[in-house]
Amino acid sequence: MMGLASEVLSLLVRQGVTAAVAESLTGGLIGATMTGPMGASAAFRGGVIAYATELKASLLDVPSDLLDREGAVHPAVAAAMAAGVRKLTDADYGLAVTGVAGPDPQDGKPVGTVHIALSGPGERVWHRDLRLTGDRDSIRNTTCQEALKLLEGVLKANSGEHSG
């Protein structure tokens, strides 16, 4: 995954843009992966681990009524988290994940339900919704990888490159 993070950081630097992360089920794994490569500070602004539902509202401005109505595991919550971290850190891109890594369901959502959102310039939002299988660690690792792939794909599309 470090190679993927290096590629994402390289794309961010080449485009002169920055990114930040808002993480729930991954608990900081995306931020740790993004800061692994040397030179990460040139493009990575920081992140928020909003594991508790109420922190999604208080730190990332996720609407409380949305959380009350849908719970924390919902595509609109991921989008609000992404927009919130983007604004909070003054980043060009905000990448957010929320979901259920297990061992138990949450908010009526089964283990393996994951929502990824990327908020970018012009208030544009990209989504990726996943239904993963495996144990807690594999769900968290796959979520990290898929989140980075989403960011990589958007950055490559913006630069005219093809994503793999």
N, C-alpha and C. Protein backbone atom coordinates (compact mmCIF):
# COMPACT_ATOMS: atom_id res chain seq x y z
N MET A 1 0.81 -1.20 0.00
CA MET A 1 0.00 0.00 0.00
C MET A 1 0.86 1.27 0.00
N MET A 2 2.11 1.12 0.44
CA MET A 2 3.00 2.28 0.48
C MET A 2 3.28 2.80 -0.93
N GLY A 3 3.34 1.89 -1.91
CA GLY A 3 3.53 2.33 -3.30
C GLY A 3 2.35 3.15 -3.79
N LEU A 4 1.16 2.75 -3.42
CA LEU A 4 -0.04 3.49 -3.79
C LEU A 4 -0.03 4.86 -3.13
N ALA A 5 0.33 4.92 -1.86
CA ALA A 5 0.41 6.21 -1.16
C ALA A 5 1.45 7.11 -1.81
N SER A 6 2.59 6.55 -2.19
CA SER A 6 3.63 7.34 -2.85
C SER A 6 3.13 7.91 -4.17
N GLU A 7 2.38 7.10 -4.92
CA GLU A 7 1.82 7.56 -6.19
C GLU A 7 0.81 8.68 -5.97
N VAL A 8 -0.05 8.51 -4.99
CA VAL A 8 -1.05 9.55 -4.68
C VAL A 8 -0.35 10.85 -4.28
N LEU A 9 0.65 10.76 -3.42
CA LEU A 9 1.37 11.95 -2.99
C LEU A 9 2.08 12.62 -4.17
N SER A 10 2.65 11.82 -5.04
CA SER A 10 3.32 12.35 -6.22
C SER A 10 2.33 13.11 -7.11
N LEU A 11 1.15 12.53 -7.30
CA LEU A 11 0.12 13.20 -8.11
C LEU A 11 -0.32 14.51 -7.45
N LEU A 12 -0.51 14.50 -6.14
CA LEU A 12 -0.89 15.71 -5.42
C LEU A 12 0.16 16.80 -5.60
N VAL A 13 1.43 16.43 -5.42
CA VAL A 13 2.52 17.41 -5.54
C VAL A 13 2.60 17.95 -6.96
N ARG A 14 2.54 17.06 -7.96
CA ARG A 14 2.62 17.51 -9.36
C ARG A 14 1.50 18.46 -9.73
N GLN A 15 0.33 18.26 -9.12
CA GLN A 15 -0.81 19.12 -9.42
C GLN A 15 -0.89 20.34 -8.50
N GLY A 16 0.00 20.40 -7.51
CA GLY A 16 0.03 21.54 -6.60
C GLY A 16 -1.19 21.62 -5.70
N VAL A 17 -1.70 20.45 -5.29
CA VAL A 17 -2.88 20.41 -4.44
C VAL A 17 -2.59 19.60 -3.17
N THR A 18 -3.49 19.68 -2.21
CA THR A 18 -3.32 19.01 -0.93
C THR A 18 -4.52 18.13 -0.61
N ALA A 19 -4.32 17.22 0.34
CA ALA A 19 -5.40 16.34 0.78
C ALA A 19 -5.37 16.19 2.30
N ALA A 20 -6.54 15.86 2.83
CA ALA A 20 -6.69 15.56 4.25
C ALA A 20 -7.67 14.40 4.36
N VAL A 21 -7.66 13.73 5.50
CA VAL A 21 -8.53 12.56 5.67
C VAL A 21 -9.39 12.68 6.92
N ALA A 22 -10.60 12.10 6.83
CA ALA A 22 -11.49 11.94 7.97
C ALA A 22 -11.80 10.45 8.05
N GLU A 23 -11.39 9.83 9.15
CA GLU A 23 -11.50 8.38 9.25
C GLU A 23 -12.37 7.97 10.42
N SER A 24 -13.16 6.94 10.17
CA SER A 24 -13.90 6.31 11.24
C SER A 24 -13.39 4.88 11.40
N LEU A 25 -13.90 3.94 10.62
CA LEU A 25 -13.54 2.53 10.83
C LEU A 25 -12.06 2.24 10.67
N THR A 26 -11.33 3.03 9.91
CA THR A 26 -9.90 2.78 9.71
C THR A 26 -9.04 3.34 10.83
N GLY A 27 -9.60 4.17 11.68
CA GLY A 27 -8.91 4.61 12.88
C GLY A 27 -7.53 5.22 12.69
N GLY A 28 -7.28 5.89 11.59
CA GLY A 28 -6.00 6.54 11.34
C GLY A 28 -5.10 5.80 10.37
N LEU A 29 -5.56 4.66 9.87
CA LEU A 29 -4.74 3.86 8.96
C LEU A 29 -4.44 4.60 7.65
N ILE A 30 -5.41 5.34 7.14
CA ILE A 30 -5.18 6.08 5.89
C ILE A 30 -4.15 7.18 6.12
N GLY A 31 -4.30 7.92 7.20
CA GLY A 31 -3.34 8.98 7.52
C GLY A 31 -1.95 8.42 7.73
N ALA A 32 -1.85 7.29 8.44
CA ALA A 32 -0.55 6.66 8.66
C ALA A 32 0.07 6.21 7.34
N THR A 33 -0.75 5.68 6.45
CA THR A 33 -0.25 5.23 5.15
C THR A 33 0.19 6.42 4.31
N MET A 34 -0.58 7.49 4.35
CA MET A 34 -0.23 8.69 3.56
C MET A 34 1.03 9.37 4.07
N THR A 35 1.31 9.24 5.35
CA THR A 35 2.50 9.92 5.89
C THR A 35 3.72 9.01 5.94
N GLY A 36 3.58 7.79 5.45
CA GLY A 36 4.72 6.87 5.40
C GLY A 36 5.81 7.30 4.45
N PRO A 37 5.47 7.68 3.21
CA PRO A 37 6.51 8.08 2.27
C PRO A 37 7.18 9.40 2.66
N MET A 38 8.48 9.50 2.37
CA MET A 38 9.18 10.76 2.62
C MET A 38 8.57 11.86 1.76
N GLY A 39 8.53 13.06 2.31
CA GLY A 39 8.00 14.20 1.59
C GLY A 39 6.50 14.35 1.65
N ALA A 40 5.83 13.57 2.48
CA ALA A 40 4.37 13.61 2.57
C ALA A 40 3.86 15.00 2.96
N SER A 41 4.64 15.73 3.74
CA SER A 41 4.18 17.04 4.22
C SER A 41 3.99 18.04 3.08
N ALA A 42 4.51 17.76 1.92
CA ALA A 42 4.33 18.66 0.78
C ALA A 42 2.89 18.65 0.27
N ALA A 43 2.13 17.60 0.60
CA ALA A 43 0.78 17.51 0.05
C ALA A 43 -0.27 17.02 1.03
N PHE A 44 0.14 16.44 2.15
CA PHE A 44 -0.82 15.91 3.11
C PHE A 44 -1.00 16.90 4.26
N ARG A 45 -2.24 17.40 4.44
CA ARG A 45 -2.52 18.42 5.44
C ARG A 45 -2.75 17.85 6.83
N GLY A 46 -3.37 16.67 6.93
CA GLY A 46 -3.65 16.10 8.23
C GLY A 46 -4.93 15.29 8.19
N GLY A 47 -5.41 14.96 9.37
CA GLY A 47 -6.61 14.15 9.42
C GLY A 47 -7.31 14.20 10.76
N VAL A 48 -8.52 13.67 10.74
CA VAL A 48 -9.34 13.58 11.94
C VAL A 48 -9.82 12.14 12.05
N ILE A 49 -9.62 11.55 13.23
CA ILE A 49 -10.19 10.24 13.51
C ILE A 49 -11.45 10.49 14.31
N ALA A 50 -12.59 10.39 13.65
CA ALA A 50 -13.90 10.61 14.29
C ALA A 50 -14.57 9.26 14.43
N TYR A 51 -14.11 8.50 15.39
CA TYR A 51 -14.61 7.14 15.59
C TYR A 51 -15.99 7.18 16.23
N ALA A 52 -16.17 8.04 17.21
CA ALA A 52 -17.47 8.18 17.87
C ALA A 52 -18.40 9.03 17.00
N THR A 53 -19.65 8.62 16.94
CA THR A 53 -20.62 9.30 16.08
C THR A 53 -20.73 10.78 16.40
N GLU A 54 -20.74 11.14 17.68
CA GLU A 54 -20.91 12.55 18.03
C GLU A 54 -19.73 13.40 17.57
N LEU A 55 -18.55 12.81 17.41
CA LEU A 55 -17.41 13.57 16.90
C LEU A 55 -17.56 13.90 15.42
N LYS A 56 -18.27 13.07 14.70
CA LYS A 56 -18.53 13.37 13.29
C LYS A 56 -19.29 14.69 13.18
N ALA A 57 -20.22 14.91 14.10
CA ALA A 57 -20.98 16.16 14.11
C ALA A 57 -20.14 17.32 14.64
N SER A 58 -19.50 17.14 15.78
CA SER A 58 -18.81 18.26 16.42
C SER A 58 -17.51 18.67 15.75
N LEU A 59 -16.77 17.72 15.19
CA LEU A 59 -15.49 18.05 14.56
C LEU A 59 -15.59 18.28 13.06
N LEU A 60 -16.51 17.55 12.41
CA LEU A 60 -16.55 17.56 10.94
C LEU A 60 -17.82 18.17 10.36
N ASP A 61 -18.66 18.72 11.22
CA ASP A 61 -19.90 19.38 10.79
C ASP A 61 -20.86 18.46 10.03
N VAL A 62 -20.85 17.17 10.35
CA VAL A 62 -21.86 16.27 9.79
C VAL A 62 -23.17 16.65 10.47
N PRO A 63 -24.23 16.93 9.71
CA PRO A 63 -25.49 17.34 10.32
C PRO A 63 -26.03 16.30 11.31
N SER A 64 -26.36 16.76 12.50
CA SER A 64 -26.87 15.87 13.55
C SER A 64 -28.14 15.17 13.11
N ASP A 65 -28.99 15.88 12.37
CA ASP A 65 -30.25 15.25 11.93
C ASP A 65 -29.97 14.11 10.95
N LEU A 66 -28.93 14.23 10.14
CA LEU A 66 -28.54 13.15 9.23
C LEU A 66 -28.07 11.94 10.04
N LEU A 67 -27.25 12.18 11.03
CA LEU A 67 -26.76 11.09 11.88
C LEU A 67 -27.90 10.43 12.65
N ASP A 68 -28.85 11.23 13.14
CA ASP A 68 -30.01 10.69 13.87
C ASP A 68 -30.88 9.84 12.95
N ARG A 69 -31.04 10.31 11.72
CA ARG A 69 -31.94 9.64 10.76
C ARG A 69 -31.30 8.39 10.14
N GLU A 70 -30.03 8.48 9.75
CA GLU A 70 -29.39 7.41 8.98
C GLU A 70 -28.36 6.61 9.75
N GLY A 71 -27.87 7.14 10.86
CA GLY A 71 -26.76 6.52 11.56
C GLY A 71 -25.45 6.97 10.92
N ALA A 72 -24.35 6.49 11.49
CA ALA A 72 -23.03 6.94 11.04
C ALA A 72 -22.55 6.25 9.77
N VAL A 73 -23.18 5.15 9.39
CA VAL A 73 -22.74 4.37 8.24
C VAL A 73 -23.69 4.63 7.07
N HIS A 74 -23.39 5.67 6.32
CA HIS A 74 -24.26 6.10 5.23
C HIS A 74 -23.43 6.92 4.24
N PRO A 75 -23.75 6.83 2.94
CA PRO A 75 -22.98 7.60 1.94
C PRO A 75 -23.00 9.11 2.19
N ALA A 76 -24.13 9.64 2.62
CA ALA A 76 -24.22 11.09 2.87
C ALA A 76 -23.36 11.50 4.06
N VAL A 77 -23.20 10.61 5.03
CA VAL A 77 -22.33 10.89 6.17
C VAL A 77 -20.87 10.93 5.69
N ALA A 78 -20.48 9.99 4.86
CA ALA A 78 -19.12 10.00 4.31
C ALA A 78 -18.87 11.28 3.54
N ALA A 79 -19.84 11.71 2.73
CA ALA A 79 -19.68 12.95 1.95
C ALA A 79 -19.55 14.16 2.86
N ALA A 80 -20.35 14.21 3.92
CA ALA A 80 -20.27 15.33 4.85
C ALA A 80 -18.94 15.32 5.61
N MET A 81 -18.47 14.14 5.97
CA MET A 81 -17.16 14.03 6.62
C MET A 81 -16.05 14.54 5.71
N ALA A 82 -16.11 14.17 4.43
CA ALA A 82 -15.10 14.59 3.46
C ALA A 82 -15.10 16.10 3.30
N ALA A 83 -16.28 16.67 3.17
CA ALA A 83 -16.39 18.13 3.04
C ALA A 83 -15.93 18.81 4.32
N GLY A 84 -16.27 18.22 5.47
CA GLY A 84 -15.89 18.81 6.74
C GLY A 84 -14.38 18.84 6.96
N VAL A 85 -13.70 17.74 6.65
CA VAL A 85 -12.25 17.72 6.85
C VAL A 85 -11.55 18.60 5.83
N ARG A 86 -12.10 18.69 4.66
CA ARG A 86 -11.53 19.58 3.63
C ARG A 86 -11.57 21.02 4.13
N LYS A 87 -12.71 21.42 4.67
CA LYS A 87 -12.86 22.79 5.18
C LYS A 87 -11.99 23.01 6.42
N LEU A 88 -12.02 22.06 7.35
CA LEU A 88 -11.28 22.18 8.60
C LEU A 88 -9.78 22.35 8.38
N THR A 89 -9.24 21.62 7.40
CA THR A 89 -7.79 21.63 7.17
C THR A 89 -7.36 22.54 6.02
N ASP A 90 -8.32 23.16 5.35
CA ASP A 90 -8.05 24.01 4.19
C ASP A 90 -7.30 23.22 3.11
N ALA A 91 -7.76 21.98 2.91
CA ALA A 91 -7.16 21.11 1.88
C ALA A 91 -7.96 21.22 0.58
N ASP A 92 -7.33 20.89 -0.51
CA ASP A 92 -8.03 20.86 -1.80
C ASP A 92 -8.96 19.65 -1.90
N TYR A 93 -8.56 18.54 -1.29
CA TYR A 93 -9.34 17.30 -1.30
C TYR A 93 -9.51 16.79 0.12
N GLY A 94 -10.72 16.37 0.43
CA GLY A 94 -11.01 15.71 1.70
C GLY A 94 -11.47 14.30 1.42
N LEU A 95 -10.81 13.32 2.00
CA LEU A 95 -11.11 11.91 1.79
C LEU A 95 -11.66 11.34 3.09
N ALA A 96 -12.82 10.70 3.03
CA ALA A 96 -13.45 10.21 4.26
C ALA A 96 -13.94 8.78 4.10
N VAL A 97 -13.90 8.04 5.21
CA VAL A 97 -14.43 6.67 5.25
C VAL A 97 -15.26 6.48 6.50
N THR A 98 -16.36 5.76 6.33
CA THR A 98 -17.18 5.33 7.45
C THR A 98 -17.74 3.96 7.10
N GLY A 99 -17.91 3.13 8.11
CA GLY A 99 -18.40 1.79 7.82
C GLY A 99 -18.34 0.89 9.03
N VAL A 100 -18.50 -0.40 8.78
CA VAL A 100 -18.56 -1.40 9.83
C VAL A 100 -17.46 -2.43 9.60
N ALA A 101 -16.44 -2.41 10.45
CA ALA A 101 -15.35 -3.38 10.32
C ALA A 101 -15.61 -4.64 11.13
N GLY A 102 -16.57 -4.59 12.04
CA GLY A 102 -16.92 -5.76 12.83
C GLY A 102 -16.29 -5.72 14.20
N PRO A 103 -16.61 -6.66 15.00
CA PRO A 103 -17.24 -7.94 14.66
C PRO A 103 -18.77 -7.89 14.59
N ASP A 104 -19.38 -6.80 15.07
CA ASP A 104 -20.84 -6.74 15.11
C ASP A 104 -21.38 -5.70 14.14
N PRO A 105 -22.64 -5.87 13.68
CA PRO A 105 -23.28 -4.84 12.85
C PRO A 105 -23.39 -3.53 13.63
N GLN A 106 -23.58 -2.43 12.89
CA GLN A 106 -23.76 -1.11 13.50
C GLN A 106 -24.87 -0.38 12.77
N ASP A 107 -25.73 0.27 13.51
CA ASP A 107 -26.83 1.05 12.93
C ASP A 107 -27.63 0.23 11.92
N GLY A 108 -27.76 -1.07 12.19
CA GLY A 108 -28.51 -1.94 11.29
C GLY A 108 -27.77 -2.30 10.01
N LYS A 109 -26.50 -1.91 9.91
CA LYS A 109 -25.69 -2.21 8.72
C LYS A 109 -24.79 -3.41 9.01
N PRO A 110 -24.71 -4.33 8.05
CA PRO A 110 -23.89 -5.52 8.29
C PRO A 110 -22.39 -5.22 8.23
N VAL A 111 -21.63 -6.09 8.88
CA VAL A 111 -20.17 -6.01 8.83
C VAL A 111 -19.74 -6.03 7.36
N GLY A 112 -18.81 -5.16 7.02
CA GLY A 112 -18.30 -5.07 5.65
C GLY A 112 -18.92 -3.95 4.83
N THR A 113 -19.93 -3.27 5.40
CA THR A 113 -20.53 -2.12 4.72
C THR A 113 -19.59 -0.93 4.90
N VAL A 114 -19.15 -0.35 3.79
CA VAL A 114 -18.19 0.76 3.84
C VAL A 114 -18.61 1.82 2.83
N HIS A 115 -18.52 3.08 3.25
CA HIS A 115 -18.77 4.21 2.36
C HIS A 115 -17.54 5.11 2.36
N ILE A 116 -17.07 5.41 1.16
CA ILE A 116 -15.91 6.27 0.96
C ILE A 116 -16.39 7.49 0.16
N ALA A 117 -15.93 8.66 0.55
CA ALA A 117 -16.27 9.87 -0.20
C ALA A 117 -15.03 10.75 -0.33
N LEU A 118 -14.97 11.44 -1.43
CA LEU A 118 -13.90 12.39 -1.70
C LEU A 118 -14.53 13.71 -2.09
N SER A 119 -14.21 14.76 -1.34
CA SER A 119 -14.70 16.10 -1.62
C SER A 119 -13.56 16.88 -2.25
N GLY A 120 -13.87 17.55 -3.37
CA GLY A 120 -12.82 18.26 -4.08
C GLY A 120 -13.23 19.65 -4.50
N PRO A 121 -12.38 20.27 -5.29
CA PRO A 121 -12.65 21.62 -5.77
C PRO A 121 -14.02 21.74 -6.43
N GLY A 122 -14.63 22.90 -6.24
CA GLY A 122 -15.95 23.14 -6.81
C GLY A 122 -17.04 22.36 -6.09
N GLU A 123 -16.75 21.93 -4.86
CA GLU A 123 -17.72 21.16 -4.04
C GLU A 123 -18.09 19.83 -4.69
N ARG A 124 -17.28 19.35 -5.61
CA ARG A 124 -17.54 18.06 -6.26
C ARG A 124 -17.30 16.93 -5.27
N VAL A 125 -18.13 15.90 -5.35
CA VAL A 125 -18.00 14.75 -4.46
C VAL A 125 -18.03 13.47 -5.28
N TRP A 126 -17.08 12.58 -4.98
CA TRP A 126 -17.02 11.25 -5.59
C TRP A 126 -17.27 10.24 -4.49
N HIS A 127 -17.97 9.16 -4.84
CA HIS A 127 -18.32 8.13 -3.85
C HIS A 127 -17.82 6.76 -4.28
N ARG A 128 -17.60 5.93 -3.31
CA ARG A 128 -17.37 4.51 -3.56
C ARG A 128 -18.01 3.77 -2.37
N ASP A 129 -18.97 2.91 -2.68
CA ASP A 129 -19.64 2.12 -1.66
C ASP A 129 -19.22 0.67 -1.81
N LEU A 130 -18.82 0.05 -0.70
CA LEU A 130 -18.26 -1.29 -0.73
C LEU A 130 -19.05 -2.24 0.17
N ARG A 131 -19.06 -3.50 -0.22
CA ARG A 131 -19.57 -4.58 0.62
C ARG A 131 -18.43 -5.59 0.71
N LEU A 132 -17.68 -5.51 1.79
CA LEU A 132 -16.46 -6.30 1.94
C LEU A 132 -16.71 -7.54 2.79
N THR A 133 -15.87 -8.53 2.57
CA THR A 133 -15.89 -9.72 3.41
C THR A 133 -14.52 -9.87 4.05
N GLY A 134 -14.47 -10.70 5.06
CA GLY A 134 -13.20 -10.94 5.73
C GLY A 134 -13.25 -10.50 7.18
N ASP A 135 -12.11 -10.60 7.82
CA ASP A 135 -12.05 -10.20 9.23
C ASP A 135 -11.85 -8.69 9.34
N ARG A 136 -11.85 -8.23 10.56
CA ARG A 136 -11.76 -6.80 10.86
C ARG A 136 -10.53 -6.16 10.21
N ASP A 137 -9.37 -6.79 10.34
CA ASP A 137 -8.15 -6.23 9.76
C ASP A 137 -8.23 -6.14 8.24
N SER A 138 -8.74 -7.18 7.60
CA SER A 138 -8.81 -7.14 6.14
C SER A 138 -9.80 -6.09 5.66
N ILE A 139 -10.91 -5.91 6.38
CA ILE A 139 -11.88 -4.87 6.00
C ILE A 139 -11.24 -3.49 6.15
N ARG A 140 -10.52 -3.26 7.22
CA ARG A 140 -9.87 -1.96 7.42
C ARG A 140 -8.79 -1.71 6.36
N ASN A 141 -7.97 -2.73 6.08
CA ASN A 141 -6.91 -2.58 5.07
C ASN A 141 -7.48 -2.37 3.68
N THR A 142 -8.51 -3.12 3.32
CA THR A 142 -9.12 -2.95 2.00
C THR A 142 -9.76 -1.58 1.88
N THR A 143 -10.38 -1.11 2.95
CA THR A 143 -10.97 0.24 2.94
C THR A 143 -9.91 1.29 2.69
N CYS A 144 -8.77 1.18 3.36
CA CYS A 144 -7.67 2.12 3.16
C CYS A 144 -7.22 2.10 1.71
N GLN A 145 -7.01 0.92 1.18
CA GLN A 145 -6.55 0.78 -0.21
C GLN A 145 -7.58 1.35 -1.19
N GLU A 146 -8.85 1.06 -0.99
CA GLU A 146 -9.88 1.56 -1.91
C GLU A 146 -10.04 3.07 -1.81
N ALA A 147 -9.88 3.62 -0.62
CA ALA A 147 -9.95 5.08 -0.47
C ALA A 147 -8.81 5.75 -1.23
N LEU A 148 -7.61 5.21 -1.08
CA LEU A 148 -6.46 5.77 -1.81
C LEU A 148 -6.62 5.60 -3.32
N LYS A 149 -7.20 4.49 -3.75
CA LYS A 149 -7.44 4.28 -5.18
C LYS A 149 -8.45 5.29 -5.72
N LEU A 150 -9.46 5.62 -4.92
CA LEU A 150 -10.43 6.64 -5.35
C LEU A 150 -9.73 7.97 -5.55
N LEU A 151 -8.93 8.38 -4.58
CA LEU A 151 -8.19 9.64 -4.71
C LEU A 151 -7.24 9.59 -5.90
N GLU A 152 -6.54 8.48 -6.07
CA GLU A 152 -5.62 8.33 -7.19
C GLU A 152 -6.36 8.45 -8.52
N GLY A 153 -7.50 7.80 -8.64
CA GLY A 153 -8.27 7.84 -9.88
C GLY A 153 -8.74 9.24 -10.24
N VAL A 154 -9.21 9.98 -9.24
CA VAL A 154 -9.66 11.35 -9.49
C VAL A 154 -8.47 12.22 -9.90
N LEU A 155 -7.36 12.07 -9.20
CA LEU A 155 -6.19 12.88 -9.55
C LEU A 155 -5.67 12.55 -10.95
N LYS A 156 -5.65 11.28 -11.30
CA LYS A 156 -5.21 10.89 -12.65
C LYS A 156 -6.17 11.43 -13.71
N ALA A 157 -7.45 11.37 -13.44
CA ALA A 157 -8.44 11.91 -14.39
C ALA A 157 -8.24 13.41 -14.57
N ASN A 158 -7.92 14.11 -13.49
CA ASN A 158 -7.69 15.56 -13.56
C ASN A 158 -6.43 15.91 -14.33
N SER A 159 -5.48 14.97 -14.36
CA SER A 159 -4.24 15.25 -15.08
C SER A 159 -4.23 14.65 -16.47
N GLY A 160 -5.32 13.97 -16.82
CA GLY A 160 -5.39 13.35 -18.14
C GLY A 160 -4.77 11.98 -18.20
N GLU A 161 -4.30 11.45 -17.05
CA GLU A 161 -3.74 10.09 -17.01
C GLU A 161 -4.87 9.10 -16.85
N HIS A 162 -4.61 7.87 -17.15
CA HIS A 162 -5.59 6.79 -16.95
C HIS A 162 -5.29 6.10 -15.64
N SER A 163 -6.35 5.79 -14.89
CA SER A 163 -6.13 5.05 -13.65
C SER A 163 -6.26 3.57 -13.91
N GLY A 164 -5.52 2.78 -13.13
CA GLY A 164 -5.50 1.35 -13.32
C GLY A 164 -6.45 0.60 -12.46
